[in-house]
Amino acid sequence: MRTLITMRTNRSTILFAMLASAVWAPGQATTQSPAPVSGAKNIALKPAAANAKNWTPSRTPDGQPDLQGIWDAASMTPLERPKELGAKAFYTPEEAAAYQQARTKETNRDRRDGGNVADVARAYNEGWFDRGSKLGRNLRTSRVIDPPDGRFPPLTPEAQKHFDEVKAYLAKNPADGPENRPLFERCITYSQNGPPLIPGNYNNLYQIVQTPDSVTIFSEMAHQARTVPLHAHERLPHNVTQWMGDSWGHFEGNTLMVETTNVRYNDMSHFGTQYDYGMTDQNLKVVERFTRTAPDLLIYQATVTDPTVYTKPWTIEIPMDKTEGPIFEYACHEGNYGMAGILAGERAREKKAAEQTGGNQ
């Protein structure tokens, strides 16, 4: 047992908590037919997977491809491709080295240049971050791999109008109540929790545990687990939603396919700080693909479809490297006492504004 406290920190900040590691428990193989996964589009796995296409993953006792272990999704790869790169999907090794050097300097929060404003913005210094020191092993120029330009597709006109209205309202009324604050600020869910899984600035480890009937995906951030049944099960009614949705899956060859619907939504981004300018509604569907392409490499892809929000589906790809544990416990406190301070501060601001104008705010 190790003890650690994590309060929006990376694994190097030691204070107090613990991890219980789950292991494979042999059991009887299920004979139930898997639920169908629809709407998935497999994107070419290259070059990381291409280099290992003759590699065959080991099997669990009941014959499933073995995806188990602790996987690190951290990397310097940006979520969206810089516009100046156009259709360039991959860096050369030389370009990757140059990018990594420049990006390391750019994101260094221990720098003291830029004046007081920049200094305050770096209040969380490098000791708090674990975003990765290299590009993902596939050397992609972005995590978004479809559309081909490596950028999120436009919102539909209706969704864009709603997004703009919400943004304008929150600019004037940022804290009417806790529901007006981002989900991560309320300690509900984070970009890393998914679906889809989107790495962040720290705490990017995942542990996968398999049984004959299910696969559990445990995320370091927020210490949350999502268990995916691998057999036919009764789906939730359309009006019953959960923050991580209702997932079900099956294996297609060596790939675990997971489809998720019934994802709860509000006016805050479901995709966390990494994509806080995105949105969802009741029609969100996420199809994930987990493929182990080498002993120490897991390729994760996720396709997001929401026809009333996005003009077309979009797909991300994350190469995850095998790593040693343990995963320390993450404890989020902001939603417990920080939220009271945020709301109280906003009420004080409103009261002061009302006193200055001589009316009610």
Protein backbone atom coordinates (compact mmCIF):
# COMPACT_ATOMS: atom_id res chain seq x y z
CA MET A 1 0.00 0.00 0.00
CA ARG A 2 1.17 3.51 -0.81
CA THR A 3 -0.38 6.67 0.48
CA LEU A 4 -0.91 9.85 -1.48
CA ILE A 5 -3.12 12.91 -1.62
CA THR A 6 -4.02 14.15 -5.08
CA MET A 7 -5.95 17.40 -5.43
CA ARG A 8 -5.82 18.20 -9.15
CA THR A 9 -2.18 17.12 -9.17
CA ASN A 10 -0.04 14.60 -10.97
CA ARG A 11 1.37 11.45 -9.45
CA SER A 12 4.54 13.18 -8.28
CA THR A 13 2.74 15.35 -5.72
CA ILE A 14 2.69 13.19 -2.59
CA LEU A 15 0.29 13.78 0.28
CA PHE A 16 -2.35 11.03 1.09
CA ALA A 17 -4.58 8.20 -0.60
CA MET A 18 -4.37 4.71 -2.12
CA LEU A 19 -5.20 2.34 -4.96
CA ALA A 20 -6.69 -1.12 -4.90
CA SER A 21 -5.49 -2.97 -8.00
CA ALA A 22 -7.98 -5.31 -9.64
CA VAL A 23 -6.73 -8.46 -11.38
CA TRP A 24 -8.13 -10.98 -13.81
CA ALA A 25 -10.53 -13.45 -12.25
CA PRO A 26 -11.01 -16.56 -14.41
CA GLY A 27 -14.57 -17.57 -15.12
CA GLN A 28 -16.82 -19.33 -17.60
CA ALA A 29 -17.12 -17.91 -21.09
CA THR A 30 -20.49 -16.41 -21.85
CA THR A 31 -22.69 -17.97 -24.52
CA GLN A 32 -24.93 -14.93 -24.86
CA SER A 33 -24.78 -13.08 -28.14
CA PRO A 34 -23.13 -9.64 -27.99
CA ALA A 35 -25.13 -6.48 -28.50
CA PRO A 36 -24.53 -5.01 -31.95
CA VAL A 37 -22.33 -1.97 -32.23
CA SER A 38 -23.35 0.27 -35.10
CA GLY A 39 -22.16 3.44 -36.70
CA ALA A 40 -18.44 2.78 -36.23
CA LYS A 41 -15.91 3.66 -38.86
CA ASN A 42 -12.48 2.12 -38.47
CA ILE A 43 -9.78 4.67 -39.27
CA ALA A 44 -6.45 3.39 -40.56
CA LEU A 45 -4.07 2.60 -37.70
CA LYS A 46 -0.73 3.92 -38.89
CA PRO A 47 2.15 4.01 -38.52
CA ALA A 48 2.15 2.55 -34.99
CA ALA A 49 -0.17 -0.35 -35.77
CA ALA A 50 1.28 -0.94 -39.22
CA ASN A 51 4.64 -1.74 -37.68
CA ALA A 52 3.07 -4.50 -35.60
CA LYS A 53 0.38 -5.94 -37.88
CA ASN A 54 1.88 -9.42 -37.57
CA TRP A 55 1.82 -9.25 -33.78
CA THR A 56 -0.91 -11.29 -32.09
CA PRO A 57 -2.11 -10.30 -28.60
CA SER A 58 -2.19 -12.88 -25.84
CA ARG A 59 -5.55 -14.19 -24.66
CA THR A 60 -7.41 -14.19 -21.37
CA PRO A 61 -8.46 -17.59 -19.95
CA ASP A 62 -11.78 -17.42 -21.83
CA GLY A 63 -10.16 -16.49 -25.16
CA GLN A 64 -10.59 -12.73 -25.33
CA PRO A 65 -7.72 -10.54 -26.60
CA ASP A 66 -5.93 -9.45 -23.44
CA LEU A 67 -6.18 -5.67 -23.04
CA GLN A 68 -5.46 -5.69 -19.33
CA GLY A 69 -2.91 -3.51 -17.64
CA ILE A 70 -2.21 0.13 -16.87
CA TRP A 71 -1.97 2.42 -19.89
CA ASP A 72 -0.60 5.97 -20.15
CA ALA A 73 -2.39 8.29 -22.59
CA ALA A 74 -0.27 11.40 -21.93
CA SER A 75 1.45 13.02 -24.91
CA MET A 76 2.21 16.39 -26.49
CA THR A 77 -0.10 15.67 -29.42
CA PRO A 78 -2.63 18.52 -29.64
CA LEU A 79 -6.32 17.73 -29.73
CA GLU A 80 -6.82 19.68 -32.97
CA ARG A 81 -4.27 20.07 -35.75
CA PRO A 82 -2.74 23.54 -36.15
CA LYS A 83 -4.44 25.15 -39.16
CA GLU A 84 -1.15 25.90 -40.87
CA LEU A 85 -0.47 22.15 -41.22
CA GLY A 86 -3.50 21.66 -43.47
CA ALA A 87 -3.91 17.99 -44.41
CA LYS A 88 -0.55 16.90 -42.93
CA ALA A 89 -1.54 14.01 -40.65
CA PHE A 90 1.91 12.83 -39.47
CA TYR A 91 5.24 14.37 -38.50
CA THR A 92 8.53 12.95 -39.67
CA PRO A 93 10.88 11.96 -36.80
CA GLU A 94 12.90 15.13 -37.44
CA GLU A 95 9.78 17.31 -37.41
CA ALA A 96 8.59 15.57 -34.24
CA ALA A 97 11.87 16.34 -32.47
CA ALA A 98 11.64 20.01 -33.44
CA TYR A 99 7.99 20.22 -32.38
CA GLN A 100 8.71 18.61 -29.01
CA GLN A 101 11.55 21.02 -28.32
CA ALA A 102 9.46 24.07 -29.19
CA ARG A 103 6.38 22.81 -27.33
CA THR A 104 8.39 22.05 -24.19
CA LYS A 105 9.56 25.64 -24.09
CA GLU A 106 6.13 27.05 -24.91
CA THR A 107 4.29 25.14 -22.16
CA ASN A 108 6.94 25.54 -19.46
CA ARG A 109 5.05 27.07 -16.55
CA ASP A 110 8.24 27.65 -14.55
CA ARG A 111 9.16 30.50 -16.91
CA ARG A 112 9.10 33.99 -15.40
CA ASP A 113 8.91 36.02 -18.59
CA GLY A 114 5.83 37.86 -19.85
CA GLY A 115 5.06 40.16 -16.92
CA ASN A 116 2.67 39.95 -13.96
CA VAL A 117 -0.36 38.66 -15.85
CA ALA A 118 1.56 35.75 -17.39
CA ASP A 119 3.16 35.02 -14.02
CA VAL A 120 -0.21 34.77 -12.28
CA ALA A 121 -1.52 32.54 -15.10
CA ARG A 122 1.31 30.13 -14.29
CA ALA A 123 0.34 29.83 -10.63
CA TYR A 124 0.17 26.06 -11.17
CA ASN A 125 3.81 25.44 -12.08
CA GLU A 126 5.35 22.42 -13.81
CA GLY A 127 5.21 20.37 -10.62
CA TRP A 128 1.45 20.05 -11.09
CA PHE A 129 1.51 18.89 -14.70
CA ASP A 130 2.08 15.54 -16.37
CA ARG A 131 0.90 16.22 -19.92
CA GLY A 132 3.60 14.12 -21.57
CA SER A 133 7.06 15.05 -22.85
CA LYS A 134 6.74 13.61 -26.38
CA LEU A 135 4.26 13.27 -29.20
CA GLY A 136 2.15 10.13 -29.27
CA ARG A 137 4.04 7.15 -30.64
CA ASN A 138 2.21 7.35 -33.97
CA LEU A 139 3.61 10.91 -34.53
CA ARG A 140 0.20 12.26 -35.54
CA THR A 141 -0.17 16.02 -35.79
CA SER A 142 -3.49 15.91 -33.90
CA ARG A 143 -5.67 13.60 -31.86
CA VAL A 144 -8.61 14.39 -34.14
CA ILE A 145 -8.04 12.15 -37.16
CA ASP A 146 -11.40 12.58 -38.89
CA PRO A 147 -12.39 15.00 -40.45
CA PRO A 148 -9.18 14.79 -42.51
CA ASP A 149 -8.14 18.34 -41.56
CA GLY A 150 -7.68 17.17 -37.97
CA ARG A 151 -10.19 19.67 -36.58
CA PHE A 152 -13.65 19.39 -35.08
CA PRO A 153 -16.49 19.82 -37.58
CA PRO A 154 -18.71 22.92 -37.32
CA LEU A 155 -21.77 22.87 -35.11
CA THR A 156 -25.16 22.86 -36.79
CA PRO A 157 -26.72 26.35 -37.07
CA GLU A 158 -29.19 25.53 -34.29
CA ALA A 159 -26.48 24.20 -31.98
CA GLN A 160 -24.19 27.16 -32.69
CA LYS A 161 -27.03 29.59 -31.88
CA HIS A 162 -27.69 27.82 -28.58
CA PHE A 163 -23.97 27.71 -27.74
CA ASP A 164 -23.59 31.44 -28.40
CA GLU A 165 -26.64 32.25 -26.28
CA VAL A 166 -25.36 30.19 -23.37
CA LYS A 167 -21.88 31.69 -23.64
CA ALA A 168 -23.31 35.25 -23.67
CA TYR A 169 -25.53 34.55 -20.66
CA LEU A 170 -22.72 32.99 -18.62
CA ALA A 171 -20.44 35.93 -19.39
CA LYS A 172 -22.89 38.11 -17.45
CA ASN A 173 -24.17 35.47 -15.00
CA PRO A 174 -21.32 33.01 -14.39
CA ALA A 175 -22.63 31.51 -11.15
CA ASP A 176 -26.40 31.63 -10.73
CA GLY A 177 -26.08 28.15 -9.26
CA PRO A 178 -23.78 25.15 -9.34
CA GLU A 179 -25.40 23.92 -12.56
CA ASN A 180 -23.89 26.96 -14.33
CA ARG A 181 -20.36 25.84 -13.54
CA PRO A 182 -18.28 23.36 -15.60
CA LEU A 183 -18.69 19.67 -14.77
CA PHE A 184 -15.03 19.26 -13.79
CA GLU A 185 -15.34 22.18 -11.37
CA ARG A 186 -18.20 20.35 -9.67
CA CYS A 187 -16.08 17.17 -9.44
CA ILE A 188 -18.63 15.29 -11.58
CA THR A 189 -16.68 14.21 -14.65
CA TYR A 190 -13.57 15.13 -16.62
CA SER A 191 -12.32 14.86 -20.19
CA GLN A 192 -10.25 11.82 -19.17
CA ASN A 193 -13.33 9.91 -17.90
CA GLY A 194 -15.18 9.88 -21.18
CA PRO A 195 -16.61 8.60 -23.25
CA PRO A 196 -14.69 9.57 -25.30
CA LEU A 197 -11.42 9.38 -23.37
CA ILE A 198 -9.55 12.66 -23.93
CA PRO A 199 -6.21 13.06 -22.11
CA GLY A 200 -5.66 16.22 -20.08
CA ASN A 201 -2.88 18.06 -18.30
CA TYR A 202 -2.29 15.34 -15.72
CA ASN A 203 -3.67 12.05 -14.36
CA ASN A 204 -3.86 10.32 -17.74
CA LEU A 205 -3.52 6.68 -16.64
CA TYR A 206 -6.14 4.02 -17.34
CA GLN A 207 -6.42 0.52 -15.96
CA ILE A 208 -8.33 -2.11 -17.93
CA VAL A 209 -9.65 -5.21 -16.19
CA GLN A 210 -11.50 -8.02 -18.00
CA THR A 211 -13.84 -10.80 -16.96
CA PRO A 212 -15.70 -13.17 -19.32
CA ASP A 213 -18.78 -10.94 -19.13
CA SER A 214 -17.42 -7.41 -18.88
CA VAL A 215 -14.55 -4.99 -19.30
CA THR A 216 -13.92 -2.26 -16.73
CA ILE A 217 -12.10 0.93 -17.74
CA PHE A 218 -10.75 2.71 -14.67
CA SER A 219 -9.52 6.28 -15.13
CA GLU A 220 -6.98 7.87 -12.84
CA MET A 221 -8.65 11.28 -13.09
CA ALA A 222 -11.53 11.46 -10.59
CA HIS A 223 -10.93 7.79 -9.69
CA GLN A 224 -13.90 6.69 -11.81
CA ALA A 225 -14.66 3.29 -13.34
CA ARG A 226 -16.93 2.40 -16.26
CA THR A 227 -17.96 -1.24 -16.58
CA VAL A 228 -18.95 -2.36 -20.07
CA PRO A 229 -21.05 -5.54 -20.35
CA LEU A 230 -20.04 -7.91 -23.15
CA HIS A 231 -23.38 -9.63 -23.49
CA ALA A 232 -26.92 -8.65 -24.39
CA HIS A 233 -28.51 -6.65 -21.59
CA GLU A 234 -31.58 -4.52 -21.13
CA ARG A 235 -30.87 -1.01 -22.37
CA LEU A 236 -31.84 2.04 -20.38
CA PRO A 237 -34.97 3.87 -21.53
CA HIS A 238 -34.18 6.87 -23.71
CA ASN A 239 -35.13 9.31 -20.94
CA VAL A 240 -32.80 7.74 -18.34
CA THR A 241 -29.33 9.24 -18.65
CA GLN A 242 -26.00 8.95 -16.83
CA TRP A 243 -22.92 11.17 -16.93
CA MET A 244 -20.87 8.38 -18.54
CA GLY A 245 -23.85 6.99 -20.43
CA ASP A 246 -25.03 3.42 -20.99
CA SER A 247 -22.25 1.35 -22.59
CA TRP A 248 -22.21 -2.11 -24.12
CA GLY A 249 -19.66 -3.87 -26.26
CA HIS A 250 -18.17 -6.92 -27.93
CA PHE A 251 -14.95 -8.04 -29.61
CA GLU A 252 -14.47 -7.84 -33.35
CA GLY A 253 -11.28 -9.74 -34.00
CA ASN A 254 -8.67 -8.23 -31.69
CA THR A 255 -10.62 -4.99 -31.18
CA LEU A 256 -12.96 -4.24 -28.31
CA MET A 257 -15.92 -2.27 -29.70
CA VAL A 258 -17.93 -0.19 -27.21
CA GLU A 259 -21.04 1.82 -28.03
CA THR A 260 -22.42 4.37 -25.56
CA THR A 261 -25.71 6.27 -25.59
CA ASN A 262 -27.95 7.82 -22.90
CA VAL A 263 -25.23 10.29 -21.92
CA ARG A 264 -26.49 12.98 -19.57
CA TYR A 265 -25.91 16.52 -20.79
CA ASN A 266 -26.37 20.14 -19.83
CA ASP A 267 -25.13 23.48 -21.16
CA MET A 268 -21.58 22.74 -19.97
CA SER A 269 -19.19 20.86 -22.23
CA HIS A 270 -19.21 17.08 -21.78
CA PHE A 271 -15.62 17.03 -23.06
CA GLY A 272 -14.01 18.88 -20.14
CA THR A 273 -11.28 21.51 -20.21
CA GLN A 274 -9.66 20.01 -23.31
CA TYR A 275 -12.69 20.82 -25.48
CA ASP A 276 -14.82 23.28 -23.54
CA TYR A 277 -16.07 24.87 -26.76
CA GLY A 278 -17.95 21.68 -27.70
CA MET A 279 -21.41 20.58 -26.68
CA THR A 280 -23.78 17.61 -26.73
CA ASP A 281 -27.45 16.81 -26.46
CA GLN A 282 -29.73 13.79 -26.10
CA ASN A 283 -28.63 12.35 -29.47
CA LEU A 284 -24.97 11.81 -28.57
CA LYS A 285 -23.52 8.39 -29.48
CA VAL A 286 -19.90 7.39 -28.95
CA VAL A 287 -18.31 4.31 -30.54
CA GLU A 288 -14.93 3.36 -29.05
CA ARG A 289 -12.33 0.89 -30.32
CA PHE A 290 -9.54 -0.55 -28.15
CA THR A 291 -6.87 -2.46 -30.10
CA ARG A 292 -3.64 -3.80 -28.61
CA THR A 293 -1.10 -3.64 -31.44
CA ALA A 294 2.07 -4.49 -29.47
CA PRO A 295 2.94 -5.77 -25.99
CA ASP A 296 3.35 -2.18 -24.79
CA LEU A 297 0.91 -0.29 -27.08
CA LEU A 298 -2.87 0.11 -27.04
CA ILE A 299 -4.52 2.15 -29.81
CA TYR A 300 -7.73 3.88 -28.71
CA GLN A 301 -10.16 5.40 -31.20
CA ALA A 302 -13.52 7.02 -30.55
CA THR A 303 -16.11 8.29 -33.03
CA VAL A 304 -18.60 10.89 -31.79
CA THR A 305 -21.93 11.22 -33.59
CA ASP A 306 -24.51 13.82 -32.63
CA PRO A 307 -26.47 14.90 -35.73
CA THR A 308 -28.36 17.72 -34.00
CA VAL A 309 -25.11 19.26 -32.70
CA TYR A 310 -22.37 18.46 -35.27
CA THR A 311 -22.57 18.73 -39.03
CA LYS A 312 -20.66 15.44 -39.31
CA PRO A 313 -19.18 12.79 -36.97
CA TRP A 314 -15.62 13.19 -35.66
CA THR A 315 -13.00 10.66 -34.56
CA ILE A 316 -10.02 10.88 -32.23
CA GLU A 317 -7.10 8.47 -31.85
CA ILE A 318 -4.94 8.07 -28.73
CA PRO A 319 -1.91 5.73 -28.56
CA MET A 320 -1.52 4.50 -24.98
CA ASP A 321 1.78 3.15 -23.65
CA LYS A 322 1.95 0.27 -21.17
CA THR A 323 3.25 1.46 -17.82
CA GLU A 324 3.76 0.28 -14.27
CA GLY A 325 1.37 1.13 -11.46
CA PRO A 326 0.07 1.75 -9.02
CA ILE A 327 -2.57 4.34 -9.79
CA PHE A 328 -2.91 6.62 -6.81
CA GLU A 329 -6.29 7.82 -5.61
CA TYR A 330 -7.55 11.13 -6.94
CA ALA A 331 -9.56 13.27 -4.53
CA CYS A 332 -11.49 16.27 -5.87
CA HIS A 333 -12.35 18.85 -3.24
CA GLU A 334 -13.33 21.89 -5.28
CA GLY A 335 -16.94 20.78 -5.63
CA ASN A 336 -17.24 20.37 -1.87
CA TYR A 337 -16.00 23.69 -0.50
CA GLY A 338 -14.82 25.65 -3.54
CA MET A 339 -18.33 25.79 -5.00
CA ALA A 340 -19.68 27.53 -1.91
CA GLY A 341 -16.97 30.17 -2.26
CA ILE A 342 -17.69 30.69 -5.97
CA LEU A 343 -21.42 31.16 -5.40
CA ALA A 344 -20.94 33.35 -2.32
CA GLY A 345 -18.49 35.53 -4.21
CA GLU A 346 -20.95 36.00 -7.06
CA ARG A 347 -23.76 36.92 -4.63
CA ALA A 348 -21.44 39.49 -3.03
CA ARG A 349 -20.62 40.93 -6.46
CA GLU A 350 -24.32 41.17 -7.33
CA LYS A 351 -25.10 42.87 -4.01
CA LYS A 352 -22.36 45.43 -4.51
CA ALA A 353 -23.53 46.14 -8.07
CA ALA A 354 -27.11 46.63 -6.82
CA GLU A 355 -25.97 49.02 -4.10
CA GLN A 356 -24.00 51.08 -6.58
CA THR A 357 -26.95 51.39 -8.96
CA GLY A 358 -29.49 51.89 -6.20
CA GLY A 359 -31.62 49.04 -7.40
CA ASN A 360 -31.95 45.30 -7.28
CA GLN A 361 -29.51 43.05 -9.11
